[in-house]
């Protein structure tokens, strides 16, 4: 997960949402592929860290089935990525921070719990969650230009004629 966090930081450094992912063969400890978010730089809305890592691993192995591998990702996969993880038959998914707004595993549509899901990997959330969440929070605070006070109020005064 530390490698995935470093990839997430690299994404943030180029103004992409800081999410990083690695695919590991746990039987050998080999990292087969990695990815970081790149939808902005590639003009590709599907260029999420998980998708990039899945594509690289499949190409490296010469097989789109990634059975037996573990995907480590800094943020709970979104529904699109969860669907791709299922189609690739990834054996296990471990993530850092939960994503109550956009997650697709334990939040939102819970892709792996659907009766139409043909492959359900083992899942585990919360690994280095504070570090992963902190990276995301710092990134979005910097983009919004708001201090790290926890105050979520709108710094703009209301428009005349509208209530606050």
C-alpha atoms as a PDB file:
ATOM      1  CA  UNK A   1       0.000   0.000   0.000  1.00  0.00           C
ATOM      2  CA  UNK A   2       2.937   2.335   0.554  1.00  0.00           C
ATOM      3  CA  UNK A   3       3.783   1.973  -3.139  1.00  0.00           C
ATOM      4  CA  UNK A   4       0.188   2.834  -4.053  1.00  0.00           C
ATOM      5  CA  UNK A   5       0.348   5.900  -1.802  1.00  0.00           C
ATOM      6  CA  UNK A   6       3.523   7.044  -3.571  1.00  0.00           C
ATOM      7  CA  UNK A   7       1.724   6.649  -6.913  1.00  0.00           C
ATOM      8  CA  UNK A   8      -1.204   8.649  -5.555  1.00  0.00           C
ATOM      9  CA  UNK A   9       1.157  11.440  -4.521  1.00  0.00           C
ATOM     10  CA  UNK A  10       2.695  11.386  -8.003  1.00  0.00           C
ATOM     11  CA  UNK A  11      -0.800  11.825  -9.459  1.00  0.00           C
ATOM     12  CA  UNK A  12      -1.451  14.779  -7.145  1.00  0.00           C
ATOM     13  CA  UNK A  13       1.851  16.338  -8.198  1.00  0.00           C
ATOM     14  CA  UNK A  14       0.505  16.600 -11.763  1.00  0.00           C
ATOM     15  CA  UNK A  15      -2.957  17.808 -10.637  1.00  0.00           C
ATOM     16  CA  UNK A  16      -4.717  14.454 -10.988  1.00  0.00           C
ATOM     17  CA  UNK A  17      -6.897  13.157  -8.144  1.00  0.00           C
ATOM     18  CA  UNK A  18      -4.460  11.285  -5.887  1.00  0.00           C
ATOM     19  CA  UNK A  19      -5.300   7.620  -6.307  1.00  0.00           C
ATOM     20  CA  UNK A  20      -2.681   4.934  -6.812  1.00  0.00           C
ATOM     21  CA  UNK A  21      -2.938   1.183  -7.369  1.00  0.00           C
ATOM     22  CA  UNK A  22      -0.654  -1.825  -7.635  1.00  0.00           C
ATOM     23  CA  UNK A  23      -1.338  -5.437  -8.614  1.00  0.00           C
ATOM     24  CA  UNK A  24       0.660  -7.998  -6.665  1.00  0.00           C
ATOM     25  CA  UNK A  25       1.212 -11.721  -7.002  1.00  0.00           C
ATOM     26  CA  UNK A  26       1.126 -12.565  -3.295  1.00  0.00           C
ATOM     27  CA  UNK A  27       2.655 -16.004  -3.893  1.00  0.00           C
ATOM     28  CA  UNK A  28       5.919 -14.397  -5.040  1.00  0.00           C
ATOM     29  CA  UNK A  29       5.571 -10.874  -3.662  1.00  0.00           C
ATOM     30  CA  UNK A  30       6.043  -9.525  -7.174  1.00  0.00           C
ATOM     31  CA  UNK A  31       4.449  -6.241  -8.174  1.00  0.00           C
ATOM     32  CA  UNK A  32       3.142  -6.969 -11.673  1.00  0.00           C
ATOM     33  CA  UNK A  33       1.680  -3.580 -12.529  1.00  0.00           C
ATOM     34  CA  UNK A  34       0.867  -0.183 -11.132  1.00  0.00           C
ATOM     35  CA  UNK A  35      -1.222   2.822 -12.005  1.00  0.00           C
ATOM     36  CA  UNK A  36      -2.182   6.275 -10.882  1.00  0.00           C
ATOM     37  CA  UNK A  37      -5.129   8.409 -11.865  1.00  0.00           C
ATOM     38  CA  UNK A  38      -4.671  10.005 -15.309  1.00  0.00           C
ATOM     39  CA  UNK A  39      -8.074  10.956 -16.732  1.00  0.00           C
ATOM     40  CA  UNK A  40      -7.141  14.633 -17.106  1.00  0.00           C
ATOM     41  CA  UNK A  41      -3.712  14.177 -18.677  1.00  0.00           C
ATOM     42  CA  UNK A  42      -4.908  11.433 -21.039  1.00  0.00           C
ATOM     43  CA  UNK A  43      -8.337  12.944 -21.806  1.00  0.00           C
ATOM     44  CA  UNK A  44      -9.725   9.515 -20.883  1.00  0.00           C
ATOM     45  CA  UNK A  45     -12.507   9.330 -18.301  1.00  0.00           C
ATOM     46  CA  UNK A  46     -11.718   5.634 -17.736  1.00  0.00           C
ATOM     47  CA  UNK A  47      -8.046   6.249 -16.839  1.00  0.00           C
ATOM     48  CA  UNK A  48      -8.490   5.487 -13.156  1.00  0.00           C
ATOM     49  CA  UNK A  49      -5.532   4.017 -11.258  1.00  0.00           C
ATOM     50  CA  UNK A  50      -7.168   0.591 -11.040  1.00  0.00           C
ATOM     51  CA  UNK A  51      -7.980   0.425 -14.763  1.00  0.00           C
ATOM     52  CA  UNK A  52      -4.436   1.424 -15.718  1.00  0.00           C
ATOM     53  CA  UNK A  53      -2.985  -1.247 -13.407  1.00  0.00           C
ATOM     54  CA  UNK A  54      -5.423  -3.908 -14.661  1.00  0.00           C
ATOM     55  CA  UNK A  55      -4.565  -3.153 -18.297  1.00  0.00           C
ATOM     56  CA  UNK A  56      -0.824  -3.248 -17.640  1.00  0.00           C
ATOM     57  CA  UNK A  57      -1.011  -6.534 -15.710  1.00  0.00           C
ATOM     58  CA  UNK A  58      -3.185  -8.186 -18.365  1.00  0.00           C
ATOM     59  CA  UNK A  59      -0.797  -7.102 -21.103  1.00  0.00           C
ATOM     60  CA  UNK A  60       2.236  -8.258 -19.117  1.00  0.00           C
ATOM     61  CA  UNK A  61       0.706 -11.671 -18.403  1.00  0.00           C
ATOM     62  CA  UNK A  62      -0.869 -12.067 -21.834  1.00  0.00           C
ATOM     63  CA  UNK A  63      -4.207 -12.804 -20.195  1.00  0.00           C
ATOM     64  CA  UNK A  64      -7.094 -10.583 -19.154  1.00  0.00           C
ATOM     65  CA  UNK A  65      -7.913 -12.962 -16.294  1.00  0.00           C
ATOM     66  CA  UNK A  66      -5.960 -11.867 -13.234  1.00  0.00           C
ATOM     67  CA  UNK A  67      -7.090 -14.624 -10.894  1.00  0.00           C
ATOM     68  CA  UNK A  68      -5.002 -14.980  -7.776  1.00  0.00           C
ATOM     69  CA  UNK A  69      -3.657 -11.425  -7.802  1.00  0.00           C
ATOM     70  CA  UNK A  70      -4.219  -8.763  -5.155  1.00  0.00           C
ATOM     71  CA  UNK A  71      -5.061  -5.201  -6.074  1.00  0.00           C
ATOM     72  CA  UNK A  72      -3.978  -2.567  -3.559  1.00  0.00           C
ATOM     73  CA  UNK A  73      -5.585   0.819  -4.153  1.00  0.00           C
ATOM     74  CA  UNK A  74      -5.607   3.951  -2.029  1.00  0.00           C
ATOM     75  CA  UNK A  75      -9.349   4.626  -2.395  1.00  0.00           C
ATOM     76  CA  UNK A  76     -12.361   2.307  -2.447  1.00  0.00           C
ATOM     77  CA  UNK A  77     -12.934   1.452  -6.119  1.00  0.00           C
ATOM     78  CA  UNK A  78     -15.737   3.255  -7.937  1.00  0.00           C
ATOM     79  CA  UNK A  79     -18.502   1.241  -9.645  1.00  0.00           C
ATOM     80  CA  UNK A  80     -16.679   1.286 -13.009  1.00  0.00           C
ATOM     81  CA  UNK A  81     -13.465  -0.021 -11.486  1.00  0.00           C
ATOM     82  CA  UNK A  82     -15.307  -2.593  -9.369  1.00  0.00           C
ATOM     83  CA  UNK A  83     -16.935  -3.907 -12.541  1.00  0.00           C
ATOM     84  CA  UNK A  84     -13.562  -4.156 -14.275  1.00  0.00           C
ATOM     85  CA  UNK A  85     -12.057  -5.884 -11.218  1.00  0.00           C
ATOM     86  CA  UNK A  86     -14.834  -8.464 -11.368  1.00  0.00           C
ATOM     87  CA  UNK A  87     -14.417  -9.000 -15.120  1.00  0.00           C
ATOM     88  CA  UNK A  88     -10.656  -9.463 -14.651  1.00  0.00           C
ATOM     89  CA  UNK A  89     -11.292 -12.017 -11.885  1.00  0.00           C
ATOM     90  CA  UNK A  90      -8.907 -10.307  -9.439  1.00  0.00           C
ATOM     91  CA  UNK A  91      -8.628 -12.506  -6.360  1.00  0.00           C
ATOM     92  CA  UNK A  92      -8.470  -9.843  -3.649  1.00  0.00           C
ATOM     93  CA  UNK A  93      -8.945  -6.081  -3.373  1.00  0.00           C
ATOM     94  CA  UNK A  94      -7.454  -4.047  -0.524  1.00  0.00           C
ATOM     95  CA  UNK A  95      -8.064  -0.307  -0.281  1.00  0.00           C
ATOM     96  CA  UNK A  96      -7.118   2.521   2.016  1.00  0.00           C
ATOM     97  CA  UNK A  97      -9.808   5.187   2.359  1.00  0.00           C
ATOM     98  CA  UNK A  98     -13.510   4.461   2.050  1.00  0.00           C
ATOM     99  CA  UNK A  99     -15.400   6.537  -0.522  1.00  0.00           C
ATOM    100  CA  UNK A 100     -18.950   7.190   0.737  1.00  0.00           C
ATOM    101  CA  UNK A 101     -19.750   9.448  -2.254  1.00  0.00           C
ATOM    102  CA  UNK A 102     -18.247   7.538  -5.162  1.00  0.00           C
ATOM    103  CA  UNK A 103     -17.341   4.080  -3.918  1.00  0.00           C
ATOM    104  CA  UNK A 104     -18.788   0.975  -5.490  1.00  0.00           C
ATOM    105  CA  UNK A 105     -17.737  -1.807  -3.110  1.00  0.00           C
ATOM    106  CA  UNK A 106     -19.057  -1.070   0.394  1.00  0.00           C
ATOM    107  CA  UNK A 107     -20.808   2.166  -0.623  1.00  0.00           C
ATOM    108  CA  UNK A 108     -23.097   3.086  -3.508  1.00  0.00           C
ATOM    109  CA  UNK A 109     -24.144   0.180  -5.715  1.00  0.00           C
ATOM    110  CA  UNK A 110     -21.994  -2.442  -3.911  1.00  0.00           C
ATOM    111  CA  UNK A 111     -21.093  -4.059  -7.212  1.00  0.00           C
ATOM    112  CA  UNK A 112     -19.747  -7.308  -5.772  1.00  0.00           C
ATOM    113  CA  UNK A 113     -22.988  -7.897  -3.825  1.00  0.00           C
ATOM    114  CA  UNK A 114     -25.193  -7.763  -6.925  1.00  0.00           C
ATOM    115  CA  UNK A 115     -26.715 -11.020  -8.191  1.00  0.00           C
ATOM    116  CA  UNK A 116     -25.492 -10.135 -11.691  1.00  0.00           C
ATOM    117  CA  UNK A 117     -21.863 -10.010 -10.528  1.00  0.00           C
ATOM    118  CA  UNK A 118     -20.121 -13.126 -11.814  1.00  0.00           C
ATOM    119  CA  UNK A 119     -16.910 -12.846  -9.761  1.00  0.00           C
ATOM    120  CA  UNK A 120     -16.581 -11.619  -6.200  1.00  0.00           C
ATOM    121  CA  UNK A 121     -13.059 -10.973  -4.958  1.00  0.00           C
ATOM    122  CA  UNK A 122     -12.157 -11.011  -1.295  1.00  0.00           C
ATOM    123  CA  UNK A 123     -12.278  -7.392  -0.091  1.00  0.00           C
ATOM    124  CA  UNK A 124     -10.635  -5.498   2.733  1.00  0.00           C
ATOM    125  CA  UNK A 125     -10.834  -1.785   3.397  1.00  0.00           C
ATOM    126  CA  UNK A 126      -8.996   0.519   5.747  1.00  0.00           C
ATOM    127  CA  UNK A 127      -5.319  -0.297   5.140  1.00  0.00           C
ATOM    128  CA  UNK A 128      -3.424   2.938   5.854  1.00  0.00           C
ATOM    129  CA  UNK A 129      -6.797   4.672   5.598  1.00  0.00           C
ATOM    130  CA  UNK A 130      -5.742   7.809   7.474  1.00  0.00           C
ATOM    131  CA  UNK A 131      -2.796   8.381   5.153  1.00  0.00           C
ATOM    132  CA  UNK A 132      -4.865   7.763   2.035  1.00  0.00           C
ATOM    133  CA  UNK A 133      -7.712   9.992   3.224  1.00  0.00           C
ATOM    134  CA  UNK A 134      -5.276  12.697   4.322  1.00  0.00           C
ATOM    135  CA  UNK A 135      -3.707  12.802   0.875  1.00  0.00           C
ATOM    136  CA  UNK A 136      -7.121  13.252  -0.733  1.00  0.00           C
ATOM    137  CA  UNK A 137      -8.201  15.893   1.786  1.00  0.00           C
ATOM    138  CA  UNK A 138      -5.029  17.935   1.324  1.00  0.00           C
ATOM    139  CA  UNK A 139      -5.368  17.723  -2.462  1.00  0.00           C
ATOM    140  CA  UNK A 140      -8.962  18.962  -2.517  1.00  0.00           C
ATOM    141  CA  UNK A 141      -8.330  21.663   0.100  1.00  0.00           C
ATOM    142  CA  UNK A 142      -5.496  22.996  -2.029  1.00  0.00           C
ATOM    143  CA  UNK A 143      -7.708  22.967  -5.125  1.00  0.00           C
ATOM    144  CA  UNK A 144     -10.463  24.810  -3.286  1.00  0.00           C
ATOM    145  CA  UNK A 145      -8.045  27.168  -1.580  1.00  0.00           C
ATOM    146  CA  UNK A 146      -9.573  26.474   1.820  1.00  0.00           C
ATOM    147  CA  UNK A 147      -7.618  26.067   5.055  1.00  0.00           C
ATOM    148  CA  UNK A 148      -7.458  22.748   6.892  1.00  0.00           C
ATOM    149  CA  UNK A 149      -9.758  23.947   9.670  1.00  0.00           C
ATOM    150  CA  UNK A 150     -12.561  21.505   9.071  1.00  0.00           C
ATOM    151  CA  UNK A 151     -14.888  24.465   8.418  1.00  0.00           C
ATOM    152  CA  UNK A 152     -16.922  23.533   5.369  1.00  0.00           C
ATOM    153  CA  UNK A 153     -18.812  26.808   5.146  1.00  0.00           C
ATOM    154  CA  UNK A 154     -18.861  28.648   1.852  1.00  0.00           C
ATOM    155  CA  UNK A 155     -16.317  31.499   1.955  1.00  0.00           C
ATOM    156  CA  UNK A 156     -18.379  33.449  -0.607  1.00  0.00           C
ATOM    157  CA  UNK A 157     -21.124  35.764   0.660  1.00  0.00           C
ATOM    158  CA  UNK A 158     -24.616  34.944  -0.626  1.00  0.00           C
ATOM    159  CA  UNK A 159     -25.719  36.594  -3.852  1.00  0.00           C
ATOM    160  CA  UNK A 160     -28.026  39.518  -3.278  1.00  0.00           C
ATOM    161  CA  UNK A 161     -31.620  38.402  -3.286  1.00  0.00           C
ATOM    162  CA  UNK A 162     -30.738  34.796  -2.303  1.00  0.00           C
ATOM    163  CA  UNK A 163     -30.760  33.358   1.161  1.00  0.00           C
ATOM    164  CA  UNK A 164     -27.553  31.982   2.669  1.00  0.00           C
END
